[in-house]
N, C-alpha and C. Protein backbone atom coordinates (compact mmCIF):
# COMPACT_ATOMS: atom_id res chain seq x y z
N UNK A 1 0.82 -1.19 0.00
CA UNK A 1 0.00 0.00 0.00
C UNK A 1 0.87 1.26 0.00
N UNK A 2 1.85 1.26 0.88
CA UNK A 2 2.79 2.38 0.98
C UNK A 2 3.42 2.67 -0.37
N UNK A 3 3.90 1.62 -1.04
CA UNK A 3 4.56 1.81 -2.33
C UNK A 3 3.58 2.28 -3.40
N UNK A 4 2.33 1.81 -3.36
CA UNK A 4 1.32 2.29 -4.30
C UNK A 4 1.05 3.77 -4.10
N UNK A 5 1.00 4.19 -2.85
CA UNK A 5 0.79 5.62 -2.56
C UNK A 5 1.90 6.46 -3.15
N UNK A 6 3.13 6.02 -2.97
CA UNK A 6 4.25 6.79 -3.49
C UNK A 6 4.34 6.70 -5.01
N UNK A 7 3.92 5.59 -5.58
CA UNK A 7 3.86 5.50 -7.04
C UNK A 7 2.87 6.52 -7.59
N UNK A 8 1.72 6.63 -6.95
CA UNK A 8 0.72 7.62 -7.38
C UNK A 8 1.27 9.04 -7.22
N UNK A 9 1.93 9.28 -6.11
CA UNK A 9 2.49 10.61 -5.88
C UNK A 9 3.58 10.93 -6.90
N UNK A 10 4.42 9.95 -7.21
CA UNK A 10 5.45 10.18 -8.22
C UNK A 10 4.84 10.47 -9.59
N UNK A 11 3.78 9.76 -9.93
CA UNK A 11 3.11 10.03 -11.20
C UNK A 11 2.54 11.43 -11.24
N UNK A 12 1.97 11.88 -10.14
CA UNK A 12 1.50 13.26 -10.08
C UNK A 12 2.66 14.24 -10.29
N UNK A 13 3.74 13.99 -9.59
CA UNK A 13 4.90 14.88 -9.69
C UNK A 13 5.43 14.94 -11.11
N UNK A 14 5.58 13.77 -11.73
CA UNK A 14 6.19 13.70 -13.06
C UNK A 14 5.27 14.16 -14.18
N UNK A 15 3.97 13.92 -14.02
CA UNK A 15 3.06 14.17 -15.14
C UNK A 15 2.10 15.33 -14.93
N UNK A 16 1.89 15.73 -13.69
CA UNK A 16 0.99 16.86 -13.42
C UNK A 16 1.72 18.04 -12.80
N UNK A 17 2.92 17.81 -12.30
CA UNK A 17 3.74 18.90 -11.79
C UNK A 17 3.79 18.99 -10.28
N UNK A 18 4.63 19.89 -9.83
CA UNK A 18 4.91 20.06 -8.41
C UNK A 18 3.65 20.48 -7.64
N UNK A 19 2.90 21.41 -8.17
CA UNK A 19 1.73 21.89 -7.43
C UNK A 19 0.71 20.77 -7.24
N UNK A 20 0.46 19.98 -8.26
CA UNK A 20 -0.48 18.86 -8.11
C UNK A 20 0.03 17.85 -7.09
N UNK A 21 1.32 17.59 -7.12
CA UNK A 21 1.95 16.69 -6.16
C UNK A 21 1.73 17.19 -4.74
N UNK A 22 1.97 18.47 -4.53
CA UNK A 22 1.82 19.04 -3.18
C UNK A 22 0.36 19.16 -2.76
N UNK A 23 -0.52 19.46 -3.68
CA UNK A 23 -1.95 19.54 -3.34
C UNK A 23 -2.51 18.18 -2.94
N UNK A 24 -1.96 17.12 -3.50
CA UNK A 24 -2.43 15.77 -3.16
C UNK A 24 -1.84 15.28 -1.84
N UNK A 25 -0.75 15.85 -1.40
CA UNK A 25 -0.05 15.37 -0.20
C UNK A 25 -0.96 15.25 1.03
N UNK A 26 -1.82 16.22 1.31
CA UNK A 26 -2.69 16.08 2.49
C UNK A 26 -3.59 14.84 2.46
N UNK A 27 -3.97 14.40 1.28
CA UNK A 27 -4.83 13.22 1.17
C UNK A 27 -4.15 12.01 1.81
N UNK A 28 -2.85 11.94 1.72
CA UNK A 28 -2.09 10.81 2.27
C UNK A 28 -1.74 11.00 3.75
N UNK A 29 -1.83 12.23 4.23
CA UNK A 29 -1.38 12.53 5.58
C UNK A 29 -2.49 12.70 6.60
N UNK A 30 -3.63 13.25 6.18
CA UNK A 30 -4.66 13.66 7.13
C UNK A 30 -6.01 13.00 6.83
N UNK A 31 -6.84 12.83 7.86
CA UNK A 31 -8.21 12.36 7.64
C UNK A 31 -9.02 13.40 6.84
N UNK A 32 -9.99 12.92 6.10
CA UNK A 32 -10.78 13.80 5.22
C UNK A 32 -11.44 14.95 5.98
N UNK A 33 -12.05 14.67 7.12
CA UNK A 33 -12.70 15.74 7.87
C UNK A 33 -11.70 16.80 8.32
N UNK A 34 -10.52 16.37 8.71
CA UNK A 34 -9.49 17.31 9.16
C UNK A 34 -9.08 18.21 7.99
N UNK A 35 -8.92 17.62 6.81
CA UNK A 35 -8.57 18.40 5.62
C UNK A 35 -9.63 19.46 5.35
N UNK A 36 -10.90 19.06 5.41
CA UNK A 36 -11.99 20.01 5.16
C UNK A 36 -11.97 21.15 6.16
N UNK A 37 -11.72 20.84 7.41
CA UNK A 37 -11.72 21.86 8.46
C UNK A 37 -10.49 22.76 8.44
N UNK A 38 -9.43 22.32 7.78
CA UNK A 38 -8.18 23.08 7.77
C UNK A 38 -7.75 23.48 6.35
N UNK A 39 -8.70 23.57 5.45
CA UNK A 39 -8.40 23.85 4.05
C UNK A 39 -7.63 25.16 3.87
N UNK A 40 -8.04 26.20 4.56
CA UNK A 40 -7.37 27.50 4.42
C UNK A 40 -5.92 27.42 4.89
N UNK A 41 -5.69 26.74 6.01
CA UNK A 41 -4.33 26.60 6.52
C UNK A 41 -3.47 25.77 5.56
N UNK A 42 -4.06 24.76 4.96
CA UNK A 42 -3.32 23.94 3.99
C UNK A 42 -2.95 24.76 2.76
N UNK A 43 -3.83 25.68 2.35
CA UNK A 43 -3.52 26.55 1.22
C UNK A 43 -2.36 27.48 1.54
N UNK A 44 -2.33 28.00 2.76
CA UNK A 44 -1.21 28.86 3.19
C UNK A 44 0.08 28.04 3.19
N UNK A 45 0.00 26.84 3.72
CA UNK A 45 1.17 25.96 3.77
C UNK A 45 1.64 25.61 2.37
N UNK A 46 0.71 25.44 1.43
CA UNK A 46 1.06 25.11 0.05
C UNK A 46 1.99 26.16 -0.56
N UNK A 47 1.70 27.42 -0.30
CA UNK A 47 2.55 28.49 -0.83
C UNK A 47 3.98 28.35 -0.35
N UNK A 48 4.16 28.02 0.92
CA UNK A 48 5.51 27.81 1.47
C UNK A 48 6.16 26.56 0.87
N UNK A 49 5.37 25.50 0.71
CA UNK A 49 5.91 24.27 0.14
C UNK A 49 6.36 24.48 -1.30
N UNK A 50 5.60 25.26 -2.05
CA UNK A 50 5.97 25.54 -3.43
C UNK A 50 7.27 26.34 -3.50
N UNK A 51 7.39 27.34 -2.64
CA UNK A 51 8.60 28.18 -2.68
C UNK A 51 9.83 27.45 -2.18
N UNK A 52 9.64 26.45 -1.34
CA UNK A 52 10.78 25.73 -0.76
C UNK A 52 10.93 24.31 -1.33
N UNK A 53 10.23 24.00 -2.41
CA UNK A 53 10.28 22.64 -2.96
C UNK A 53 11.72 22.30 -3.36
N UNK A 54 12.21 21.13 -2.93
CA UNK A 54 13.62 20.80 -3.16
C UNK A 54 13.96 20.39 -4.59
N UNK A 55 12.97 20.24 -5.43
CA UNK A 55 13.21 19.82 -6.81
C UNK A 55 12.73 18.41 -7.05
N UNK A 56 12.33 18.17 -8.27
CA UNK A 56 11.78 16.86 -8.64
C UNK A 56 12.81 15.75 -8.42
N UNK A 57 14.04 15.96 -8.86
CA UNK A 57 15.07 14.93 -8.73
C UNK A 57 15.32 14.57 -7.27
N UNK A 58 15.36 15.58 -6.42
CA UNK A 58 15.58 15.33 -4.99
C UNK A 58 14.41 14.55 -4.40
N UNK A 59 13.19 14.93 -4.76
CA UNK A 59 12.01 14.23 -4.24
C UNK A 59 11.98 12.79 -4.73
N UNK A 60 12.34 12.56 -5.99
CA UNK A 60 12.40 11.20 -6.51
C UNK A 60 13.42 10.36 -5.73
N UNK A 61 14.56 10.95 -5.39
CA UNK A 61 15.59 10.24 -4.62
C UNK A 61 15.09 9.93 -3.21
N UNK A 62 14.39 10.85 -2.58
CA UNK A 62 13.85 10.63 -1.24
C UNK A 62 12.85 9.47 -1.25
N UNK A 63 11.97 9.48 -2.23
CA UNK A 63 10.96 8.42 -2.32
C UNK A 63 11.62 7.08 -2.62
N UNK A 64 12.62 7.08 -3.48
CA UNK A 64 13.34 5.84 -3.78
C UNK A 64 14.03 5.31 -2.52
N UNK A 65 14.58 6.19 -1.71
CA UNK A 65 15.24 5.76 -0.47
C UNK A 65 14.22 5.14 0.48
N UNK A 66 13.05 5.76 0.61
CA UNK A 66 12.00 5.19 1.46
C UNK A 66 11.55 3.82 0.95
N UNK A 67 11.40 3.70 -0.35
CA UNK A 67 10.95 2.44 -0.95
C UNK A 67 11.98 1.33 -0.76
N UNK A 68 13.26 1.68 -0.76
CA UNK A 68 14.32 0.68 -0.66
C UNK A 68 14.65 0.31 0.78
N UNK A 69 14.27 1.14 1.72
CA UNK A 69 14.65 0.92 3.13
C UNK A 69 13.96 -0.33 3.68
N UNK A 70 14.77 -1.25 4.17
CA UNK A 70 14.24 -2.48 4.75
C UNK A 70 15.20 -2.97 5.83
N UNK A 71 14.72 -2.97 7.06
CA UNK A 71 15.55 -3.45 8.17
C UNK A 71 14.95 -4.72 8.78
N UNK A 72 14.15 -5.41 8.02
CA UNK A 72 13.47 -6.61 8.51
C UNK A 72 14.42 -7.59 9.18
N UNK A 73 15.59 -7.78 8.59
CA UNK A 73 16.54 -8.76 9.13
C UNK A 73 17.18 -8.30 10.44
N UNK A 74 17.06 -7.04 10.77
CA UNK A 74 17.69 -6.50 11.98
C UNK A 74 16.73 -6.31 13.15
N UNK A 75 15.45 -6.57 12.95
CA UNK A 75 14.46 -6.28 13.99
C UNK A 75 14.70 -7.03 15.29
N UNK A 76 15.23 -8.22 15.22
CA UNK A 76 15.49 -9.01 16.42
C UNK A 76 16.66 -8.49 17.24
N UNK A 77 17.42 -7.56 16.71
CA UNK A 77 18.60 -7.02 17.40
C UNK A 77 18.29 -5.87 18.35
N UNK A 78 17.10 -5.28 18.22
CA UNK A 78 16.77 -4.13 19.05
C UNK A 78 16.60 -4.55 20.51
N UNK A 79 17.20 -3.81 21.43
CA UNK A 79 17.11 -4.09 22.86
C UNK A 79 16.53 -2.91 23.64
N UNK A 80 16.43 -1.79 22.98
CA UNK A 80 15.91 -0.58 23.60
C UNK A 80 14.39 -0.57 23.51
N UNK A 81 13.71 -0.07 24.52
CA UNK A 81 12.25 0.05 24.40
C UNK A 81 11.86 0.92 23.21
N UNK A 82 10.87 0.46 22.48
CA UNK A 82 10.42 1.15 21.26
C UNK A 82 8.90 1.25 21.31
N UNK A 83 8.39 2.35 20.82
CA UNK A 83 6.95 2.53 20.67
C UNK A 83 6.62 2.52 19.19
N UNK A 84 5.76 1.61 18.79
CA UNK A 84 5.24 1.58 17.43
C UNK A 84 3.84 2.18 17.51
N UNK A 85 3.71 3.39 17.04
CA UNK A 85 2.47 4.16 17.18
C UNK A 85 1.82 4.31 15.82
N UNK A 86 0.54 4.00 15.75
CA UNK A 86 -0.19 4.07 14.49
C UNK A 86 -1.56 4.70 14.71
N UNK A 87 -2.12 5.18 13.62
CA UNK A 87 -3.50 5.66 13.62
C UNK A 87 -4.32 4.69 12.77
N UNK A 88 -5.48 4.35 13.24
CA UNK A 88 -6.32 3.38 12.54
C UNK A 88 -6.70 3.84 11.14
N UNK A 89 -6.75 5.15 10.93
CA UNK A 89 -7.16 5.68 9.63
C UNK A 89 -5.99 6.21 8.80
N UNK A 90 -4.79 5.74 9.07
CA UNK A 90 -3.61 6.15 8.32
C UNK A 90 -3.75 5.67 6.88
N UNK A 91 -3.73 6.60 5.93
CA UNK A 91 -3.89 6.27 4.51
C UNK A 91 -2.56 6.02 3.82
N UNK A 92 -1.45 6.22 4.52
CA UNK A 92 -0.14 6.02 3.91
C UNK A 92 0.51 4.72 4.39
N UNK A 93 0.54 4.53 5.69
CA UNK A 93 1.11 3.31 6.26
C UNK A 93 0.01 2.66 7.11
N UNK A 94 -0.57 1.58 6.63
CA UNK A 94 -1.65 0.94 7.38
C UNK A 94 -1.19 0.55 8.79
N UNK A 95 -2.11 0.67 9.74
CA UNK A 95 -1.81 0.34 11.13
C UNK A 95 -1.32 -1.10 11.27
N UNK A 96 -1.74 -1.97 10.39
CA UNK A 96 -1.29 -3.36 10.46
C UNK A 96 0.22 -3.47 10.30
N UNK A 97 0.81 -2.54 9.56
CA UNK A 97 2.28 -2.55 9.40
C UNK A 97 2.96 -2.23 10.72
N UNK A 98 2.42 -1.26 11.45
CA UNK A 98 3.00 -0.90 12.75
C UNK A 98 2.80 -2.02 13.76
N UNK A 99 1.67 -2.69 13.67
CA UNK A 99 1.42 -3.82 14.57
C UNK A 99 2.40 -4.97 14.26
N UNK A 100 2.62 -5.24 13.00
CA UNK A 100 3.58 -6.28 12.60
C UNK A 100 4.97 -5.94 13.10
N UNK A 101 5.36 -4.69 12.94
CA UNK A 101 6.66 -4.25 13.44
C UNK A 101 6.77 -4.50 14.94
N UNK A 102 5.74 -4.13 15.68
CA UNK A 102 5.75 -4.32 17.13
C UNK A 102 5.84 -5.80 17.50
N UNK A 103 5.19 -6.64 16.74
CA UNK A 103 5.21 -8.08 17.02
C UNK A 103 6.58 -8.70 16.73
N UNK A 104 7.37 -8.07 15.89
CA UNK A 104 8.67 -8.63 15.51
C UNK A 104 9.82 -8.09 16.35
N UNK A 105 9.56 -7.11 17.21
CA UNK A 105 10.60 -6.54 18.07
C UNK A 105 10.19 -6.82 19.51
N UNK A 106 11.03 -7.57 20.22
CA UNK A 106 10.69 -8.00 21.58
C UNK A 106 10.45 -6.83 22.54
N UNK A 107 11.15 -5.75 22.33
CA UNK A 107 11.07 -4.61 23.26
C UNK A 107 10.10 -3.53 22.78
N UNK A 108 9.24 -3.87 21.84
CA UNK A 108 8.36 -2.88 21.22
C UNK A 108 6.94 -2.96 21.77
N UNK A 109 6.41 -1.80 22.08
CA UNK A 109 5.02 -1.67 22.51
C UNK A 109 4.23 -1.07 21.35
N UNK A 110 3.04 -1.57 21.14
CA UNK A 110 2.18 -1.06 20.07
C UNK A 110 1.08 -0.19 20.67
N UNK A 111 0.87 0.98 20.09
CA UNK A 111 -0.22 1.86 20.50
C UNK A 111 -1.00 2.27 19.26
N UNK A 112 -2.30 2.20 19.36
CA UNK A 112 -3.16 2.54 18.22
C UNK A 112 -4.05 3.73 18.57
N UNK A 113 -3.91 4.78 17.80
CA UNK A 113 -4.81 5.92 17.91
C UNK A 113 -6.00 5.64 16.99
N UNK A 114 -7.18 5.88 17.46
CA UNK A 114 -8.37 5.59 16.65
C UNK A 114 -8.50 6.53 15.46
N UNK A 115 -7.92 7.69 15.56
CA UNK A 115 -8.10 8.72 14.53
C UNK A 115 -6.84 9.57 14.45
N UNK A 116 -6.60 10.14 13.29
CA UNK A 116 -5.51 11.10 13.17
C UNK A 116 -4.73 11.02 11.88
N UNK A 117 -4.89 9.93 11.14
CA UNK A 117 -4.16 9.79 9.89
C UNK A 117 -2.67 9.62 10.10
N UNK A 118 -1.92 9.70 9.02
CA UNK A 118 -0.47 9.52 9.10
C UNK A 118 0.18 10.62 9.92
N UNK A 119 -0.36 11.81 9.84
CA UNK A 119 0.17 12.94 10.60
C UNK A 119 -0.60 13.12 11.90
N UNK A 120 -0.80 12.03 12.61
CA UNK A 120 -1.56 12.07 13.87
C UNK A 120 -0.91 12.98 14.90
N UNK A 121 0.39 13.21 14.77
CA UNK A 121 1.06 14.15 15.67
C UNK A 121 0.58 15.59 15.46
N UNK A 122 0.02 15.86 14.30
CA UNK A 122 -0.54 17.18 13.99
C UNK A 122 -2.04 17.20 14.27
N UNK A 123 -2.76 16.19 13.81
CA UNK A 123 -4.21 16.19 13.88
C UNK A 123 -4.76 15.91 15.28
N UNK A 124 -4.02 15.15 16.06
CA UNK A 124 -4.43 14.84 17.43
C UNK A 124 -3.19 14.87 18.32
N UNK A 125 -2.59 16.04 18.40
CA UNK A 125 -1.33 16.19 19.13
C UNK A 125 -1.45 15.79 20.59
N UNK A 126 -2.57 16.05 21.22
CA UNK A 126 -2.73 15.73 22.64
C UNK A 126 -2.61 14.22 22.88
N UNK A 127 -3.31 13.43 22.08
CA UNK A 127 -3.24 11.97 22.24
C UNK A 127 -1.85 11.46 21.87
N UNK A 128 -1.31 11.96 20.78
CA UNK A 128 0.03 11.56 20.34
C UNK A 128 1.04 11.84 21.45
N UNK A 129 1.03 13.06 21.96
CA UNK A 129 1.99 13.44 23.01
C UNK A 129 1.82 12.60 24.26
N UNK A 130 0.58 12.32 24.65
CA UNK A 130 0.33 11.52 25.84
C UNK A 130 0.93 10.13 25.68
N UNK A 131 0.69 9.51 24.53
CA UNK A 131 1.21 8.15 24.28
C UNK A 131 2.74 8.13 24.25
N UNK A 132 3.33 9.10 23.61
CA UNK A 132 4.79 9.15 23.53
C UNK A 132 5.39 9.42 24.89
N UNK A 133 4.81 10.36 25.64
CA UNK A 133 5.34 10.65 26.98
C UNK A 133 5.18 9.46 27.92
N UNK A 134 4.08 8.75 27.83
CA UNK A 134 3.90 7.53 28.64
C UNK A 134 5.01 6.52 28.34
N UNK A 135 5.32 6.36 27.08
CA UNK A 135 6.38 5.43 26.68
C UNK A 135 7.74 5.90 27.21
N UNK A 136 8.02 7.18 27.06
CA UNK A 136 9.30 7.70 27.51
C UNK A 136 9.46 7.59 29.03
N UNK A 137 8.36 7.72 29.75
CA UNK A 137 8.41 7.65 31.21
C UNK A 137 8.50 6.21 31.71
N UNK A 138 8.16 5.25 30.88
CA UNK A 138 8.07 3.85 31.36
C UNK A 138 9.42 3.21 31.57
């Protein structure tokens, strides 16, 4: 799913341009209701993203790096407490991926936010912060 999302985003970037790529970005990051309620703020942010866009080649390299990154063989080596935090409505990385990660790391705790999308740290900062702070204090 993650790779399909980035394939779609790359196609937008390559064939529809930077602005279309950036306008679609919230769809992958935020829940639909949150996008509707924050449309004006997203438009303001878009202007900054357009002016600071790192370039198509750089973005393609970043996405390729994400697609190639795989530490599956190293998961059993982790000894430090880890929090695998997911949102049930994440449209970029399904919560099942975070749960699988947590199941494969002995020192990993899984926490599921019911809502918030991929950018749950933005959309529901209070819940995100509470879960992270609880983990850090444990």
